[in-house]
Structure formats: structure tokens, C-alpha cells
Amino acid sequence: MRKHILTIALTIAGLTLGTAYAAPAANVTQDIHTVRGALIGHDSDGHRTLNEVALGVPLDDAMPACEGDPHKATSLCHTPLTRPYTGANELKADVYGFEVRKDDEGHPKVMSMVVTTSISSTVIKDVTAHIASASTYKTFLETSQVLGIPTLVEDDFTSWDRGRGPVVLLGTSFITLYQR
């Protein structure tokens, strides 16, 4: 049932988007369209972003470490990098101070955010935003307006992966931006 709903949504999105988002030639960088309220975008240096957190930059260049109570942060900051479990080959940090975006019912769209780095580098390789379930459909539409038609729709996630650059995964309670 859910797959059928997403198929219908994809058809509507495809009709809405028309050919404006056709995949570019392999040697052309795809433009990232600015859509008001969309979580996916890019920074001034051209790095793809998720809720204004840039992928592929050192964590401390993307945002400073949080000082004091991170819940009271008014601009992007991060907690210390830690291993999510013993023996993990990656480090994670929570992100605070992101803009509060509201869904159609007035609830915060993004509930929390996490960044991931490798164990040997502080370069952000993954950004995940935990989103309100009520915001999933609108997030799907906004992401489709920015990235075009998804490349894969499964029962539990939708993916935008053009075979080059960052990949976006959207589930019912998260959206992730990562570099392959």
C-alpha cells in the first residue's frame, strides 16, 4: 500500500517537475535548485547541505563545538565526537542550534541531527536529520523539487542517487545525506 502511495506521489511529482529536472550529461554538474523550506541545499562553496550542515568539510569548519547547554544554542554547534559502539570505525556527534522549521501542523520538522566522520578524520561523511513523521510527505516533495525524480523507491525509504556525488535517503522518520 505504501509503495503505491509513493508511486502515485512520484507520478504527481514527475508531472509537476516536467522535464526541468532531467539528468544532465555525465560531464556537467547538476544545479542544486533552491526551494523555500527544503532541507537539501548547498553552501556558498558548493558543498551539498542537509539543514545547513555541509557534507565533506571538517566538522569544526562546518560549526564550532557547543559551549554550555547545547539545547540553548542559537546557531549550529556540535557535541564531542564519540564512537557509537565499541570497535566502530566511525565517530558521531549531535548537532544543535539548527533553524526550527515547522511542518504544516506547526510542529518542528527536524527533531534532532547527527553527523558522522571516519575514525581517522573529522571530515563530515554523513548528515542525518530525524524528522517528524507528519513532515515526511512534504519533505519528499521538497527534496524532489531540489533533486528531481528519485532513483529508487522502496517500502521503507526513497533514494536520490545519480551515480556521482552525494546520496540522499528519505525514510519515514529521517533524511540522510552521505558521500559514497
N, C-alpha and C. Protein backbone atom coordinates (compact mmCIF):
# COMPACT_ATOMS: atom_id res chain seq x y z
N MET A 1 0.83 -1.19 0.00
CA MET A 1 0.00 0.00 0.00
C MET A 1 0.87 1.25 0.00
N ARG A 2 1.86 1.27 0.89
CA ARG A 2 2.73 2.44 0.99
C ARG A 2 3.49 2.66 -0.31
N LYS A 3 3.93 1.57 -0.94
CA LYS A 3 4.66 1.68 -2.20
C LYS A 3 3.76 2.30 -3.27
N HIS A 4 2.47 1.94 -3.24
CA HIS A 4 1.53 2.50 -4.22
C HIS A 4 1.33 4.00 -3.99
N ILE A 5 1.28 4.41 -2.73
CA ILE A 5 1.14 5.84 -2.42
C ILE A 5 2.36 6.60 -2.93
N LEU A 6 3.57 6.05 -2.69
CA LEU A 6 4.78 6.71 -3.17
C LEU A 6 4.83 6.73 -4.70
N THR A 7 4.34 5.66 -5.34
CA THR A 7 4.30 5.64 -6.80
C THR A 7 3.40 6.75 -7.33
N ILE A 8 2.25 6.91 -6.69
CA ILE A 8 1.34 8.00 -7.09
C ILE A 8 2.01 9.34 -6.86
N ALA A 9 2.67 9.49 -5.69
CA ALA A 9 3.36 10.76 -5.39
C ALA A 9 4.45 11.03 -6.40
N LEU A 10 5.18 9.98 -6.79
CA LEU A 10 6.24 10.14 -7.79
C LEU A 10 5.66 10.59 -9.13
N THR A 11 4.53 10.00 -9.51
CA THR A 11 3.89 10.38 -10.76
C THR A 11 3.47 11.84 -10.72
N ILE A 12 2.86 12.26 -9.61
CA ILE A 12 2.45 13.65 -9.47
C ILE A 12 3.67 14.56 -9.49
N ALA A 13 4.71 14.18 -8.75
CA ALA A 13 5.94 14.99 -8.72
C ALA A 13 6.55 15.06 -10.11
N GLY A 14 6.54 13.95 -10.82
CA GLY A 14 7.09 13.93 -12.18
C GLY A 14 6.32 14.84 -13.11
N LEU A 15 4.99 14.82 -12.99
CA LEU A 15 4.18 15.70 -13.82
C LEU A 15 4.40 17.16 -13.45
N THR A 16 4.57 17.40 -12.15
CA THR A 16 4.81 18.77 -11.68
C THR A 16 6.16 19.27 -12.13
N LEU A 17 7.16 18.41 -12.02
CA LEU A 17 8.51 18.83 -12.35
C LEU A 17 8.76 18.89 -13.85
N GLY A 18 8.01 18.10 -14.60
CA GLY A 18 8.19 18.07 -16.05
C GLY A 18 9.60 17.68 -16.42
N THR A 19 10.12 18.30 -17.43
CA THR A 19 11.48 17.97 -17.87
C THR A 19 12.52 18.92 -17.31
N ALA A 20 12.13 19.82 -16.44
CA ALA A 20 13.07 20.80 -15.90
C ALA A 20 14.18 20.17 -15.09
N TYR A 21 13.97 18.95 -14.60
CA TYR A 21 14.97 18.31 -13.77
C TYR A 21 15.54 17.06 -14.42
N ALA A 22 15.56 17.03 -15.72
CA ALA A 22 16.15 15.88 -16.41
C ALA A 22 17.61 15.77 -16.03
N ALA A 23 18.11 14.54 -15.96
CA ALA A 23 19.51 14.33 -15.57
C ALA A 23 20.44 14.97 -16.59
N PRO A 24 21.45 15.69 -16.12
CA PRO A 24 22.38 16.34 -17.03
C PRO A 24 23.37 15.33 -17.60
N ALA A 25 24.10 15.76 -18.61
CA ALA A 25 25.15 14.92 -19.17
C ALA A 25 26.16 14.60 -18.09
N ALA A 26 26.88 13.49 -18.24
CA ALA A 26 27.80 12.99 -17.22
C ALA A 26 28.89 14.01 -16.87
N ASN A 27 29.27 14.87 -17.80
CA ASN A 27 30.35 15.81 -17.52
C ASN A 27 29.86 17.17 -17.05
N VAL A 28 28.58 17.28 -16.75
CA VAL A 28 28.00 18.55 -16.30
C VAL A 28 27.54 18.38 -14.86
N THR A 29 27.90 19.32 -14.00
CA THR A 29 27.46 19.28 -12.61
C THR A 29 26.00 19.71 -12.55
N GLN A 30 25.19 18.92 -11.88
CA GLN A 30 23.77 19.24 -11.76
C GLN A 30 23.57 20.44 -10.86
N ASP A 31 22.78 21.40 -11.30
CA ASP A 31 22.46 22.55 -10.47
C ASP A 31 21.63 22.10 -9.29
N ILE A 32 21.84 22.72 -8.17
CA ILE A 32 21.03 22.47 -6.99
C ILE A 32 20.04 23.61 -6.91
N HIS A 33 18.78 23.30 -7.12
CA HIS A 33 17.76 24.33 -7.15
C HIS A 33 17.39 24.72 -5.72
N THR A 34 17.15 25.98 -5.50
CA THR A 34 16.75 26.46 -4.19
C THR A 34 15.24 26.41 -4.09
N VAL A 35 14.76 25.67 -3.12
CA VAL A 35 13.33 25.54 -2.87
C VAL A 35 13.10 26.00 -1.44
N ARG A 36 12.24 26.96 -1.28
CA ARG A 36 11.99 27.52 0.06
C ARG A 36 11.56 26.41 1.02
N GLY A 37 12.24 26.33 2.15
CA GLY A 37 11.90 25.35 3.17
C GLY A 37 12.52 23.99 2.98
N ALA A 38 13.16 23.73 1.85
CA ALA A 38 13.75 22.41 1.61
C ALA A 38 14.94 22.18 2.54
N LEU A 39 15.09 20.96 3.00
CA LEU A 39 16.21 20.62 3.88
C LEU A 39 17.50 20.43 3.09
N ILE A 40 17.41 20.04 1.82
CA ILE A 40 18.59 19.82 0.98
C ILE A 40 18.92 21.11 0.26
N GLY A 41 20.18 21.50 0.28
CA GLY A 41 20.62 22.71 -0.40
C GLY A 41 22.11 22.65 -0.64
N HIS A 42 22.74 23.81 -0.68
CA HIS A 42 24.19 23.86 -0.82
C HIS A 42 24.71 25.14 -0.17
N ASP A 43 25.99 25.10 0.24
CA ASP A 43 26.57 26.28 0.86
C ASP A 43 27.25 27.14 -0.20
N SER A 44 27.85 28.23 0.22
CA SER A 44 28.47 29.16 -0.74
C SER A 44 29.68 28.56 -1.45
N ASP A 45 30.26 27.50 -0.90
CA ASP A 45 31.40 26.83 -1.55
C ASP A 45 30.96 25.67 -2.43
N GLY A 46 29.65 25.44 -2.55
CA GLY A 46 29.13 24.40 -3.42
C GLY A 46 28.98 23.04 -2.76
N HIS A 47 29.22 22.93 -1.46
CA HIS A 47 29.04 21.67 -0.77
C HIS A 47 27.54 21.43 -0.57
N ARG A 48 27.11 20.21 -0.82
CA ARG A 48 25.72 19.86 -0.57
C ARG A 48 25.47 19.92 0.93
N THR A 49 24.30 20.40 1.33
CA THR A 49 23.97 20.53 2.75
C THR A 49 22.65 19.84 3.08
N LEU A 50 22.53 19.46 4.32
CA LEU A 50 21.27 18.97 4.87
C LEU A 50 20.97 19.84 6.08
N ASN A 51 19.90 20.58 6.01
CA ASN A 51 19.51 21.51 7.07
C ASN A 51 20.68 22.41 7.45
N GLU A 52 21.39 22.88 6.42
CA GLU A 52 22.50 23.84 6.50
C GLU A 52 23.81 23.26 7.06
N VAL A 53 23.90 21.94 7.24
CA VAL A 53 25.15 21.30 7.65
C VAL A 53 25.80 20.74 6.39
N ALA A 54 27.02 21.22 6.10
CA ALA A 54 27.71 20.87 4.85
C ALA A 54 28.38 19.50 4.94
N LEU A 55 28.27 18.75 3.87
CA LEU A 55 28.91 17.45 3.74
C LEU A 55 30.29 17.64 3.14
N GLY A 56 31.28 16.86 3.61
CA GLY A 56 32.60 16.88 3.01
C GLY A 56 33.53 17.96 3.53
N VAL A 57 33.19 18.59 4.64
CA VAL A 57 34.07 19.60 5.24
C VAL A 57 34.42 19.15 6.66
N PRO A 58 35.56 19.59 7.18
CA PRO A 58 35.89 19.25 8.57
C PRO A 58 34.81 19.76 9.53
N LEU A 59 34.51 18.96 10.53
CA LEU A 59 33.43 19.28 11.46
C LEU A 59 33.59 20.66 12.09
N ASP A 60 34.78 20.99 12.55
CA ASP A 60 34.98 22.29 13.20
C ASP A 60 34.94 23.45 12.21
N ASP A 61 35.11 23.20 10.92
CA ASP A 61 34.93 24.25 9.91
C ASP A 61 33.45 24.45 9.62
N ALA A 62 32.66 23.39 9.74
CA ALA A 62 31.23 23.47 9.49
C ALA A 62 30.50 24.18 10.61
N MET A 63 30.98 23.95 11.85
CA MET A 63 30.35 24.55 13.03
C MET A 63 31.27 24.38 14.22
N PRO A 64 31.19 25.27 15.20
CA PRO A 64 32.04 25.13 16.39
C PRO A 64 31.47 24.08 17.35
N ALA A 65 32.28 23.70 18.30
CA ALA A 65 31.80 22.84 19.39
C ALA A 65 30.83 23.64 20.24
N CYS A 66 29.82 22.98 20.78
CA CYS A 66 28.84 23.65 21.64
C CYS A 66 29.49 24.07 22.95
N GLU A 67 29.11 25.22 23.43
CA GLU A 67 29.55 25.70 24.73
C GLU A 67 28.33 25.80 25.64
N GLY A 68 28.47 25.35 26.87
CA GLY A 68 27.33 25.39 27.78
C GLY A 68 26.29 24.36 27.39
N ASP A 69 25.03 24.66 27.67
CA ASP A 69 23.92 23.75 27.36
C ASP A 69 23.64 23.78 25.87
N PRO A 70 23.90 22.67 25.14
CA PRO A 70 23.69 22.68 23.69
C PRO A 70 22.22 22.91 23.29
N HIS A 71 21.30 22.55 24.18
CA HIS A 71 19.87 22.74 23.88
C HIS A 71 19.50 24.22 23.76
N LYS A 72 20.34 25.10 24.30
CA LYS A 72 20.07 26.53 24.25
C LYS A 72 20.83 27.23 23.11
N ALA A 73 21.53 26.47 22.28
CA ALA A 73 22.32 27.04 21.18
C ALA A 73 21.40 27.75 20.19
N THR A 74 21.85 28.90 19.70
CA THR A 74 21.08 29.66 18.72
C THR A 74 21.71 29.61 17.34
N SER A 75 22.87 28.99 17.21
CA SER A 75 23.49 28.76 15.91
C SER A 75 24.11 27.36 15.93
N LEU A 76 24.39 26.83 14.75
CA LEU A 76 24.89 25.46 14.65
C LEU A 76 26.10 25.23 15.54
N CYS A 77 26.08 24.12 16.27
CA CYS A 77 27.23 23.68 17.06
C CYS A 77 27.14 22.16 17.21
N HIS A 78 28.25 21.54 17.63
CA HIS A 78 28.26 20.09 17.75
C HIS A 78 28.79 19.65 19.11
N THR A 79 28.36 18.46 19.53
CA THR A 79 28.88 17.83 20.74
C THR A 79 30.19 17.13 20.37
N PRO A 80 30.95 16.64 21.35
CA PRO A 80 32.19 15.93 21.02
C PRO A 80 31.93 14.68 20.18
N LEU A 81 32.88 14.36 19.30
CA LEU A 81 32.80 13.14 18.51
C LEU A 81 33.03 11.93 19.42
N THR A 82 32.18 10.93 19.30
CA THR A 82 32.31 9.70 20.09
C THR A 82 32.02 8.50 19.20
N ARG A 83 32.54 7.33 19.60
CA ARG A 83 32.23 6.09 18.90
C ARG A 83 30.81 5.66 19.30
N PRO A 84 29.98 5.33 18.32
CA PRO A 84 28.61 4.93 18.66
C PRO A 84 28.55 3.57 19.37
N TYR A 85 29.56 2.73 19.18
CA TYR A 85 29.65 1.44 19.86
C TYR A 85 31.12 1.01 19.83
N THR A 86 31.50 0.12 20.72
CA THR A 86 32.88 -0.35 20.82
C THR A 86 33.31 -0.97 19.50
N GLY A 87 34.47 -0.54 19.00
CA GLY A 87 35.01 -1.09 17.77
C GLY A 87 34.51 -0.42 16.50
N ALA A 88 33.66 0.59 16.63
CA ALA A 88 33.13 1.28 15.45
C ALA A 88 34.27 1.97 14.69
N ASN A 89 34.16 2.03 13.38
CA ASN A 89 35.15 2.70 12.53
C ASN A 89 34.71 4.11 12.16
N GLU A 90 33.78 4.64 12.91
CA GLU A 90 33.30 6.00 12.66
C GLU A 90 33.01 6.68 13.99
N LEU A 91 32.92 7.99 13.91
CA LEU A 91 32.60 8.80 15.08
C LEU A 91 31.33 9.59 14.78
N LYS A 92 30.55 9.86 15.82
CA LYS A 92 29.31 10.62 15.66
C LYS A 92 29.28 11.78 16.63
N ALA A 93 28.58 12.83 16.23
CA ALA A 93 28.36 13.99 17.10
C ALA A 93 26.94 14.49 16.85
N ASP A 94 26.28 14.93 17.92
CA ASP A 94 24.96 15.53 17.79
C ASP A 94 25.11 16.98 17.37
N VAL A 95 24.15 17.48 16.62
CA VAL A 95 24.15 18.86 16.14
C VAL A 95 23.01 19.60 16.82
N TYR A 96 23.31 20.80 17.29
CA TYR A 96 22.31 21.65 17.94
C TYR A 96 22.33 23.03 17.29
N GLY A 97 21.33 23.83 17.61
CA GLY A 97 21.28 25.21 17.14
C GLY A 97 20.80 25.37 15.71
N PHE A 98 20.24 24.31 15.12
CA PHE A 98 19.73 24.42 13.75
C PHE A 98 18.40 25.16 13.75
N GLU A 99 18.09 25.74 12.60
CA GLU A 99 16.86 26.50 12.44
C GLU A 99 15.64 25.61 12.69
N VAL A 100 14.67 26.13 13.44
CA VAL A 100 13.45 25.39 13.69
C VAL A 100 12.51 25.60 12.51
N ARG A 101 12.33 24.55 11.75
CA ARG A 101 11.41 24.60 10.61
C ARG A 101 10.14 23.87 11.02
N LYS A 102 9.00 24.40 10.64
CA LYS A 102 7.72 23.83 11.07
C LYS A 102 7.06 23.08 9.92
N ASP A 103 6.33 22.01 10.26
CA ASP A 103 5.54 21.32 9.26
C ASP A 103 4.19 22.02 9.13
N ASP A 104 3.30 21.48 8.32
CA ASP A 104 2.01 22.12 8.07
C ASP A 104 1.15 22.25 9.33
N GLU A 105 1.41 21.39 10.32
CA GLU A 105 0.62 21.43 11.55
C GLU A 105 1.29 22.25 12.65
N GLY A 106 2.41 22.91 12.32
CA GLY A 106 3.09 23.76 13.28
C GLY A 106 4.08 23.06 14.19
N HIS A 107 4.32 21.76 13.96
CA HIS A 107 5.29 21.02 14.75
C HIS A 107 6.67 21.16 14.11
N PRO A 108 7.73 21.08 14.93
CA PRO A 108 9.09 21.15 14.34
C PRO A 108 9.29 20.03 13.33
N LYS A 109 9.84 20.37 12.17
CA LYS A 109 10.07 19.37 11.12
C LYS A 109 11.27 18.50 11.49
N VAL A 110 12.37 19.10 11.92
CA VAL A 110 13.57 18.37 12.30
C VAL A 110 13.60 18.27 13.81
N MET A 111 13.65 17.05 14.31
CA MET A 111 13.65 16.82 15.76
C MET A 111 15.07 16.81 16.33
N SER A 112 16.01 16.22 15.59
CA SER A 112 17.41 16.16 16.03
C SER A 112 18.28 15.88 14.81
N MET A 113 19.60 16.13 14.98
CA MET A 113 20.54 15.90 13.88
C MET A 113 21.82 15.27 14.42
N VAL A 114 22.46 14.46 13.55
CA VAL A 114 23.70 13.78 13.87
C VAL A 114 24.62 13.86 12.67
N VAL A 115 25.92 14.07 12.90
CA VAL A 115 26.92 13.99 11.84
C VAL A 115 27.84 12.81 12.12
N THR A 116 28.39 12.24 11.06
CA THR A 116 29.31 11.11 11.17
C THR A 116 30.59 11.44 10.44
N THR A 117 31.72 11.05 11.05
CA THR A 117 33.03 11.16 10.42
C THR A 117 33.69 9.79 10.47
N SER A 118 34.78 9.62 9.74
CA SER A 118 35.53 8.36 9.88
C SER A 118 36.33 8.44 11.18
N ILE A 119 36.90 7.33 11.58
CA ILE A 119 37.68 7.29 12.82
C ILE A 119 38.97 8.09 12.68
N SER A 120 39.46 8.24 11.45
CA SER A 120 40.76 8.87 11.22
C SER A 120 40.68 10.31 10.70
N SER A 121 39.47 10.85 10.57
CA SER A 121 39.31 12.18 10.01
C SER A 121 38.09 12.85 10.62
N THR A 122 38.10 14.17 10.66
CA THR A 122 36.93 14.89 11.16
C THR A 122 36.06 15.42 10.01
N VAL A 123 36.34 15.02 8.78
CA VAL A 123 35.54 15.45 7.64
C VAL A 123 34.16 14.77 7.71
N ILE A 124 33.13 15.57 7.60
CA ILE A 124 31.75 15.06 7.69
C ILE A 124 31.46 14.19 6.47
N LYS A 125 31.12 12.91 6.72
CA LYS A 125 30.81 12.00 5.63
C LYS A 125 29.33 11.64 5.58
N ASP A 126 28.59 12.05 6.62
CA ASP A 126 27.18 11.68 6.71
C ASP A 126 26.48 12.69 7.61
N VAL A 127 25.32 13.16 7.18
CA VAL A 127 24.49 14.04 8.00
C VAL A 127 23.09 13.42 8.02
N THR A 128 22.53 13.23 9.21
CA THR A 128 21.18 12.68 9.33
C THR A 128 20.33 13.62 10.16
N ALA A 129 19.14 13.91 9.66
CA ALA A 129 18.15 14.69 10.40
C ALA A 129 16.98 13.77 10.70
N HIS A 130 16.61 13.68 11.96
CA HIS A 130 15.43 12.91 12.36
C HIS A 130 14.25 13.86 12.23
N ILE A 131 13.29 13.47 11.39
CA ILE A 131 12.18 14.36 11.06
C ILE A 131 10.88 13.84 11.65
N ALA A 132 9.94 14.74 11.83
CA ALA A 132 8.61 14.36 12.30
C ALA A 132 7.92 13.56 11.20
N SER A 133 7.29 12.46 11.57
CA SER A 133 6.62 11.61 10.59
C SER A 133 5.60 12.37 9.76
N ALA A 134 4.95 13.35 10.38
CA ALA A 134 3.96 14.15 9.67
C ALA A 134 4.60 14.98 8.56
N SER A 135 5.91 15.19 8.62
CA SER A 135 6.61 16.01 7.64
C SER A 135 7.18 15.21 6.48
N THR A 136 7.08 13.89 6.52
CA THR A 136 7.75 13.05 5.52
C THR A 136 7.29 13.35 4.10
N TYR A 137 5.99 13.43 3.87
CA TYR A 137 5.49 13.66 2.51
C TYR A 137 5.95 15.01 1.98
N LYS A 138 5.83 16.05 2.80
CA LYS A 138 6.26 17.38 2.36
C LYS A 138 7.77 17.39 2.10
N THR A 139 8.54 16.72 2.95
CA THR A 139 9.98 16.61 2.75
C THR A 139 10.28 15.90 1.44
N PHE A 140 9.51 14.86 1.13
CA PHE A 140 9.65 14.15 -0.14
C PHE A 140 9.43 15.11 -1.32
N LEU A 141 8.36 15.88 -1.27
CA LEU A 141 8.06 16.81 -2.37
C LEU A 141 9.14 17.88 -2.52
N GLU A 142 9.59 18.46 -1.38
CA GLU A 142 10.63 19.49 -1.43
C GLU A 142 11.94 18.91 -1.98
N THR A 143 12.30 17.71 -1.52
CA THR A 143 13.53 17.08 -1.99
C THR A 143 13.44 16.76 -3.47
N SER A 144 12.28 16.33 -3.94
CA SER A 144 12.09 16.06 -5.37
C SER A 144 12.20 17.33 -6.19
N GLN A 145 11.74 18.46 -5.65
CA GLN A 145 11.87 19.72 -6.36
C GLN A 145 13.34 20.13 -6.48
N VAL A 146 14.14 19.79 -5.47
CA VAL A 146 15.56 20.15 -5.48
C VAL A 146 16.37 19.17 -6.33
N LEU A 147 16.14 17.86 -6.15
CA LEU A 147 16.99 16.84 -6.77
C LEU A 147 16.36 16.13 -7.97
N GLY A 148 15.08 16.35 -8.22
CA GLY A 148 14.42 15.66 -9.32
C GLY A 148 13.76 14.38 -8.84
N ILE A 149 13.39 13.56 -9.80
CA ILE A 149 12.69 12.31 -9.50
C ILE A 149 13.65 11.36 -8.79
N PRO A 150 13.21 10.67 -7.73
CA PRO A 150 14.08 9.73 -7.03
C PRO A 150 14.55 8.61 -7.96
N THR A 151 15.70 8.04 -7.63
CA THR A 151 16.22 6.93 -8.43
C THR A 151 15.72 5.59 -7.93
N LEU A 152 15.26 5.54 -6.68
CA LEU A 152 14.78 4.27 -6.11
C LEU A 152 13.71 4.56 -5.07
N VAL A 153 12.62 3.82 -5.15
CA VAL A 153 11.55 3.91 -4.15
C VAL A 153 11.30 2.51 -3.62
N GLU A 154 11.53 2.31 -2.34
CA GLU A 154 11.29 1.04 -1.67
C GLU A 154 10.19 1.24 -0.64
N ASP A 155 9.80 0.17 0.04
CA ASP A 155 8.75 0.27 1.05
C ASP A 155 9.14 1.17 2.22
N ASP A 156 10.42 1.17 2.60
CA ASP A 156 10.81 1.92 3.79
C ASP A 156 11.75 3.08 3.54
N PHE A 157 12.11 3.37 2.30
CA PHE A 157 12.93 4.55 2.01
C PHE A 157 12.84 4.92 0.54
N THR A 158 13.21 6.17 0.26
CA THR A 158 13.31 6.70 -1.09
C THR A 158 14.73 7.21 -1.24
N SER A 159 15.33 7.02 -2.42
CA SER A 159 16.73 7.40 -2.61
C SER A 159 16.89 8.26 -3.85
N TRP A 160 17.76 9.27 -3.73
CA TRP A 160 18.19 10.09 -4.86
C TRP A 160 19.68 9.82 -5.01
N ASP A 161 20.06 9.07 -6.03
CA ASP A 161 21.46 8.69 -6.25
C ASP A 161 21.72 8.70 -7.74
N ARG A 162 22.39 9.71 -8.20
CA ARG A 162 22.64 9.86 -9.64
C ARG A 162 23.95 9.20 -10.07
N GLY A 163 24.59 8.46 -9.15
CA GLY A 163 25.83 7.78 -9.52
C GLY A 163 27.06 8.65 -9.39
N ARG A 164 26.90 9.86 -8.99
CA ARG A 164 28.02 10.78 -8.75
C ARG A 164 27.60 11.71 -7.63
N GLY A 165 28.51 12.06 -6.81
CA GLY A 165 28.21 12.99 -5.73
C GLY A 165 27.44 12.36 -4.59
N PRO A 166 26.90 13.20 -3.71
CA PRO A 166 26.20 12.72 -2.51
C PRO A 166 24.90 11.98 -2.83
N VAL A 167 24.51 11.12 -1.90
CA VAL A 167 23.28 10.35 -1.98
C VAL A 167 22.34 10.85 -0.89
N VAL A 168 21.06 10.91 -1.19
CA VAL A 168 20.05 11.31 -0.21
C VAL A 168 19.10 10.12 -0.01
N LEU A 169 18.89 9.76 1.26
CA LEU A 169 17.92 8.73 1.63
C LEU A 169 16.85 9.38 2.48
N LEU A 170 15.59 9.09 2.18
CA LEU A 170 14.47 9.61 2.96
C LEU A 170 13.64 8.44 3.44
N GLY A 171 13.51 8.31 4.76
CA GLY A 171 12.65 7.31 5.37
C GLY A 171 11.47 8.00 6.02
N THR A 172 10.69 7.26 6.78
CA THR A 172 9.52 7.86 7.41
C THR A 172 9.87 8.77 8.58
N SER A 173 11.07 8.61 9.13
CA SER A 173 11.43 9.46 10.27
C SER A 173 12.83 10.04 10.17
N PHE A 174 13.43 9.98 9.00
CA PHE A 174 14.79 10.53 8.83
C PHE A 174 15.04 10.93 7.39
N ILE A 175 16.02 11.79 7.22
CA ILE A 175 16.58 12.09 5.91
C ILE A 175 18.09 12.14 6.13
N THR A 176 18.82 11.44 5.25
CA THR A 176 20.28 11.33 5.38
C THR A 176 20.93 11.77 4.10
N LEU A 177 22.02 12.50 4.23
CA LEU A 177 22.86 12.93 3.13
C LEU A 177 24.24 12.31 3.38
N TYR A 178 24.73 11.52 2.42
CA TYR A 178 26.04 10.92 2.62
C TYR A 178 26.82 10.84 1.31
N GLN A 179 28.13 10.76 1.46
CA GLN A 179 29.03 10.62 0.30
C GLN A 179 29.41 9.15 0.21
N ARG A 180 29.23 8.60 -0.97
CA ARG A 180 29.61 7.21 -1.18
C ARG A 180 31.09 7.04 -1.10
